[in-house]
Amino acid sequence: QIFNLLKHPLRRGILKQLSKSPQAYSQILRNLNIQESSILNYHLREMGDLLIKKDVDGKYVLNEIGEICLQLILRVKEKEDIHSFNKFQILIENLKSTLFLFQIVFLPLVVILAEIMKTLKKKATEKDLCPPSLKEYKEKIFRDKNPFI
């Protein structure tokens, strides 16, 4: 029954609010930004004497079981945060490995390809294998058609 009560996020929020200080009904409404008072009324009724009680001033407070449940919620949240952080760390390590592989494999290839291109361009220039410019090509055609020039 307790786990069913703690399933709803609003009830967990009520427990967290009441752990800070005893609170009047209107304070809980305002602090949790609940628009409909009937919603809060429903959840407080559901939690009943099992998790909360009213103090002498009529403010809501956690009872002993409510305190224990709140500690349980906080521990579970802490474990979830640790698990999420560990997953994030694994993701970062994978990214580092990928970047490392990129640096080892691909960057040297880029350097090698750049050197090959430079060498090919140099050899082409030396052997006059560079394609003629459009102007040179037009001049050659003009000379071929006019042998007396």
C-alpha atoms as a PDB file:
ATOM      1  CA  GLN A   1       0.000   0.000   0.000  1.00  0.00           C
ATOM      2  CA  ILE A   2       2.824   2.432   0.805  1.00  0.00           C
ATOM      3  CA  PHE A   3       4.483   1.902  -2.584  1.00  0.00           C
ATOM      4  CA  ASN A   4       1.175   2.606  -4.323  1.00  0.00           C
ATOM      5  CA  LEU A   5       0.911   5.845  -2.358  1.00  0.00           C
ATOM      6  CA  LEU A   6       4.445   6.863  -3.359  1.00  0.00           C
ATOM      7  CA  LYS A   7       3.942   6.149  -7.060  1.00  0.00           C
ATOM      8  CA  HIS A   8       2.351   9.517  -7.757  1.00  0.00           C
ATOM      9  CA  PRO A   9       4.875  12.372  -8.188  1.00  0.00           C
ATOM     10  CA  LEU A  10       2.594  14.886  -6.472  1.00  0.00           C
ATOM     11  CA  ARG A  11       2.517  12.774  -3.314  1.00  0.00           C
ATOM     12  CA  ARG A  12       6.294  12.563  -3.338  1.00  0.00           C
ATOM     13  CA  GLY A  13       6.342  16.337  -3.754  1.00  0.00           C
ATOM     14  CA  ILE A  14       4.044  16.741  -0.757  1.00  0.00           C
ATOM     15  CA  LEU A  15       6.390  14.599   1.341  1.00  0.00           C
ATOM     16  CA  LYS A  16       9.384  16.683   0.266  1.00  0.00           C
ATOM     17  CA  GLN A  17       7.552  19.935   1.061  1.00  0.00           C
ATOM     18  CA  LEU A  18       6.507  18.733   4.491  1.00  0.00           C
ATOM     19  CA  SER A  19      10.066  17.604   5.249  1.00  0.00           C
ATOM     20  CA  LYS A  20      11.118  21.267   5.067  1.00  0.00           C
ATOM     21  CA  SER A  21       8.590  22.497   7.614  1.00  0.00           C
ATOM     22  CA  PRO A  22       5.013  22.020   8.781  1.00  0.00           C
ATOM     23  CA  GLN A  23       2.737  23.620   6.207  1.00  0.00           C
ATOM     24  CA  ALA A  24      -0.824  24.817   5.979  1.00  0.00           C
ATOM     25  CA  TYR A  25      -3.051  23.569   3.177  1.00  0.00           C
ATOM     26  CA  SER A  26      -2.686  26.890   1.303  1.00  0.00           C
ATOM     27  CA  GLN A  27       1.120  26.764   1.592  1.00  0.00           C
ATOM     28  CA  ILE A  28       1.240  23.306   0.044  1.00  0.00           C
ATOM     29  CA  LEU A  29      -1.034  24.477  -2.794  1.00  0.00           C
ATOM     30  CA  ARG A  30       1.207  27.471  -3.472  1.00  0.00           C
ATOM     31  CA  ASN A  31       4.577  25.724  -3.029  1.00  0.00           C
ATOM     32  CA  LEU A  32       3.657  22.863  -5.353  1.00  0.00           C
ATOM     33  CA  ASN A  33       1.873  25.177  -7.800  1.00  0.00           C
ATOM     34  CA  ILE A  34      -1.336  23.130  -7.693  1.00  0.00           C
ATOM     35  CA  GLN A  35      -4.144  24.910  -9.551  1.00  0.00           C
ATOM     36  CA  GLU A  36      -7.091  22.902  -8.229  1.00  0.00           C
ATOM     37  CA  SER A  37      -7.504  22.539  -4.475  1.00  0.00           C
ATOM     38  CA  SER A  38      -9.564  19.390  -5.053  1.00  0.00           C
ATOM     39  CA  ILE A  39      -6.450  17.703  -6.462  1.00  0.00           C
ATOM     40  CA  LEU A  40      -4.464  18.429  -3.309  1.00  0.00           C
ATOM     41  CA  ASN A  41      -7.424  17.415  -1.155  1.00  0.00           C
ATOM     42  CA  TYR A  42      -7.630  14.061  -2.963  1.00  0.00           C
ATOM     43  CA  HIS A  43      -3.931  13.286  -2.520  1.00  0.00           C
ATOM     44  CA  LEU A  44      -3.861  14.332   1.138  1.00  0.00           C
ATOM     45  CA  ARG A  45      -6.860  12.079   1.782  1.00  0.00           C
ATOM     46  CA  GLU A  46      -5.123   9.198  -0.044  1.00  0.00           C
ATOM     47  CA  MET A  47      -1.963   9.656   2.028  1.00  0.00           C
ATOM     48  CA  GLY A  48      -4.112   9.832   5.155  1.00  0.00           C
ATOM     49  CA  ASP A  49      -2.732   8.997   8.570  1.00  0.00           C
ATOM     50  CA  LEU A  50      -0.327   6.521   7.050  1.00  0.00           C
ATOM     51  CA  LEU A  51       2.193   9.191   5.950  1.00  0.00           C
ATOM     52  CA  ILE A  52       1.070  12.557   7.319  1.00  0.00           C
ATOM     53  CA  LYS A  53      -0.725  14.108  10.261  1.00  0.00           C
ATOM     54  CA  LYS A  54      -1.748  17.562  11.491  1.00  0.00           C
ATOM     55  CA  ASP A  55       0.099  19.297  14.295  1.00  0.00           C
ATOM     56  CA  VAL A  56      -1.519  21.367  17.064  1.00  0.00           C
ATOM     57  CA  ASP A  57      -1.672  24.403  14.757  1.00  0.00           C
ATOM     58  CA  GLY A  58      -3.533  22.404  12.105  1.00  0.00           C
ATOM     59  CA  LYS A  59      -0.539  22.320   9.764  1.00  0.00           C
ATOM     60  CA  TYR A  60       0.415  19.185   7.894  1.00  0.00           C
ATOM     61  CA  VAL A  61       3.581  17.367   8.987  1.00  0.00           C
ATOM     62  CA  LEU A  62       5.196  14.037   8.228  1.00  0.00           C
ATOM     63  CA  ASN A  63       4.589  11.246  10.675  1.00  0.00           C
ATOM     64  CA  GLU A  64       7.215   8.591  11.423  1.00  0.00           C
ATOM     65  CA  ILE A  65       6.337   6.422   8.434  1.00  0.00           C
ATOM     66  CA  GLY A  66       6.245   9.521   6.216  1.00  0.00           C
ATOM     67  CA  GLU A  67       9.796  10.394   7.332  1.00  0.00           C
ATOM     68  CA  ILE A  68      10.993   6.876   6.539  1.00  0.00           C
ATOM     69  CA  CYS A  69       9.292   6.944   3.130  1.00  0.00           C
ATOM     70  CA  LEU A  70      10.878  10.300   2.335  1.00  0.00           C
ATOM     71  CA  GLN A  71      14.328   8.888   3.156  1.00  0.00           C
ATOM     72  CA  LEU A  72      13.575   5.945   0.889  1.00  0.00           C
ATOM     73  CA  ILE A  73      12.553   8.290  -1.946  1.00  0.00           C
ATOM     74  CA  LEU A  74      15.713  10.350  -1.520  1.00  0.00           C
ATOM     75  CA  ARG A  75      17.903   7.221  -1.519  1.00  0.00           C
ATOM     76  CA  VAL A  76      16.251   5.895  -4.666  1.00  0.00           C
ATOM     77  CA  LYS A  77      16.683   9.299  -6.335  1.00  0.00           C
ATOM     78  CA  GLU A  78      20.332   9.341  -5.261  1.00  0.00           C
ATOM     79  CA  LYS A  79      20.885   5.881  -6.776  1.00  0.00           C
ATOM     80  CA  GLU A  80      19.171   6.974 -10.010  1.00  0.00           C
ATOM     81  CA  ASP A  81      21.410  10.052 -10.148  1.00  0.00           C
ATOM     82  CA  ILE A  82      24.515   7.915  -9.598  1.00  0.00           C
ATOM     83  CA  HIS A  83      23.368   5.490 -12.300  1.00  0.00           C
ATOM     84  CA  SER A  84      22.711   8.374 -14.722  1.00  0.00           C
ATOM     85  CA  PHE A  85      26.102   9.889 -13.918  1.00  0.00           C
ATOM     86  CA  ASN A  86      27.820   6.542 -14.537  1.00  0.00           C
ATOM     87  CA  LYS A  87      26.052   6.207 -17.897  1.00  0.00           C
ATOM     88  CA  PHE A  88      27.183   9.744 -18.766  1.00  0.00           C
ATOM     89  CA  GLN A  89      30.774   8.900 -17.817  1.00  0.00           C
ATOM     90  CA  ILE A  90      30.677   5.802 -20.038  1.00  0.00           C
ATOM     91  CA  LEU A  91      29.371   7.939 -22.908  1.00  0.00           C
ATOM     92  CA  ILE A  92      32.221  10.438 -22.415  1.00  0.00           C
ATOM     93  CA  GLU A  93      34.806   7.636 -22.365  1.00  0.00           C
ATOM     94  CA  ASN A  94      33.382   6.197 -25.596  1.00  0.00           C
ATOM     95  CA  LEU A  95      33.574   9.620 -27.199  1.00  0.00           C
ATOM     96  CA  LYS A  96      37.191  10.001 -26.080  1.00  0.00           C
ATOM     97  CA  SER A  97      38.039   6.591 -27.573  1.00  0.00           C
ATOM     98  CA  THR A  98      36.373   7.515 -30.851  1.00  0.00           C
ATOM     99  CA  LEU A  99      38.264  10.801 -31.040  1.00  0.00           C
ATOM    100  CA  PHE A 100      41.502   9.009 -30.225  1.00  0.00           C
ATOM    101  CA  LEU A 101      40.903   6.493 -33.034  1.00  0.00           C
ATOM    102  CA  PHE A 102      40.094   9.353 -35.384  1.00  0.00           C
ATOM    103  CA  GLN A 103      43.385  11.023 -34.516  1.00  0.00           C
ATOM    104  CA  ILE A 104      45.355   7.803 -34.957  1.00  0.00           C
ATOM    105  CA  VAL A 105      43.705   6.544 -38.159  1.00  0.00           C
ATOM    106  CA  PHE A 106      42.190   9.386 -40.128  1.00  0.00           C
ATOM    107  CA  LEU A 107      44.447  12.356 -39.487  1.00  0.00           C
ATOM    108  CA  PRO A 108      47.570  10.546 -40.753  1.00  0.00           C
ATOM    109  CA  LEU A 109      45.576   9.511 -43.840  1.00  0.00           C
ATOM    110  CA  VAL A 110      44.688  13.132 -44.506  1.00  0.00           C
ATOM    111  CA  VAL A 111      48.349  14.111 -44.198  1.00  0.00           C
ATOM    112  CA  ILE A 112      49.406  11.276 -46.524  1.00  0.00           C
ATOM    113  CA  LEU A 113      46.750  12.198 -49.096  1.00  0.00           C
ATOM    114  CA  ALA A 114      47.839  15.838 -48.986  1.00  0.00           C
ATOM    115  CA  GLU A 115      51.440  14.780 -49.644  1.00  0.00           C
ATOM    116  CA  ILE A 116      50.361  12.526 -52.527  1.00  0.00           C
ATOM    117  CA  MET A 117      48.357  15.377 -54.077  1.00  0.00           C
ATOM    118  CA  LYS A 118      51.313  17.741 -53.723  1.00  0.00           C
ATOM    119  CA  THR A 119      53.663  15.199 -55.351  1.00  0.00           C
ATOM    120  CA  LEU A 120      51.256  14.508 -58.229  1.00  0.00           C
ATOM    121  CA  LYS A 121      50.804  18.210 -58.886  1.00  0.00           C
ATOM    122  CA  LYS A 122      54.577  18.729 -58.891  1.00  0.00           C
ATOM    123  CA  LYS A 123      55.140  15.817 -61.319  1.00  0.00           C
ATOM    124  CA  ALA A 124      52.354  17.026 -63.585  1.00  0.00           C
ATOM    125  CA  THR A 125      53.897  20.489 -63.697  1.00  0.00           C
ATOM    126  CA  GLU A 126      57.345  19.063 -64.444  1.00  0.00           C
ATOM    127  CA  LYS A 127      56.059  16.896 -67.310  1.00  0.00           C
ATOM    128  CA  ASP A 128      53.718  19.607 -68.562  1.00  0.00           C
ATOM    129  CA  LEU A 129      50.769  17.333 -67.912  1.00  0.00           C
ATOM    130  CA  CYS A 130      48.683  20.144 -66.556  1.00  0.00           C
ATOM    131  CA  PRO A 131      45.675  20.749 -68.736  1.00  0.00           C
ATOM    132  CA  PRO A 132      46.042  23.913 -70.797  1.00  0.00           C
ATOM    133  CA  SER A 133      44.050  26.933 -69.879  1.00  0.00           C
ATOM    134  CA  LEU A 134      41.138  27.901 -72.125  1.00  0.00           C
ATOM    135  CA  LYS A 135      43.151  30.774 -73.591  1.00  0.00           C
ATOM    136  CA  GLU A 136      46.084  28.469 -74.468  1.00  0.00           C
ATOM    137  CA  TYR A 137      43.675  25.983 -76.008  1.00  0.00           C
ATOM    138  CA  LYS A 138      42.054  28.674 -78.224  1.00  0.00           C
ATOM    139  CA  GLU A 139      45.457  29.919 -79.350  1.00  0.00           C
ATOM    140  CA  LYS A 140      46.518  26.398 -80.313  1.00  0.00           C
ATOM    141  CA  ILE A 141      43.361  25.851 -82.365  1.00  0.00           C
ATOM    142  CA  PHE A 142      43.845  29.209 -84.063  1.00  0.00           C
ATOM    143  CA  ARG A 143      47.470  28.325 -84.964  1.00  0.00           C
ATOM    144  CA  ASP A 144      46.451  24.887 -86.256  1.00  0.00           C
ATOM    145  CA  LYS A 145      43.872  26.441 -88.572  1.00  0.00           C
ATOM    146  CA  ASN A 146      46.251  29.142 -89.760  1.00  0.00           C
ATOM    147  CA  PRO A 147      49.550  27.467 -90.577  1.00  0.00           C
ATOM    148  CA  PHE A 148      51.070  30.678 -92.010  1.00  0.00           C
ATOM    149  CA  ILE A 149      50.986  32.537 -88.736  1.00  0.00           C
END
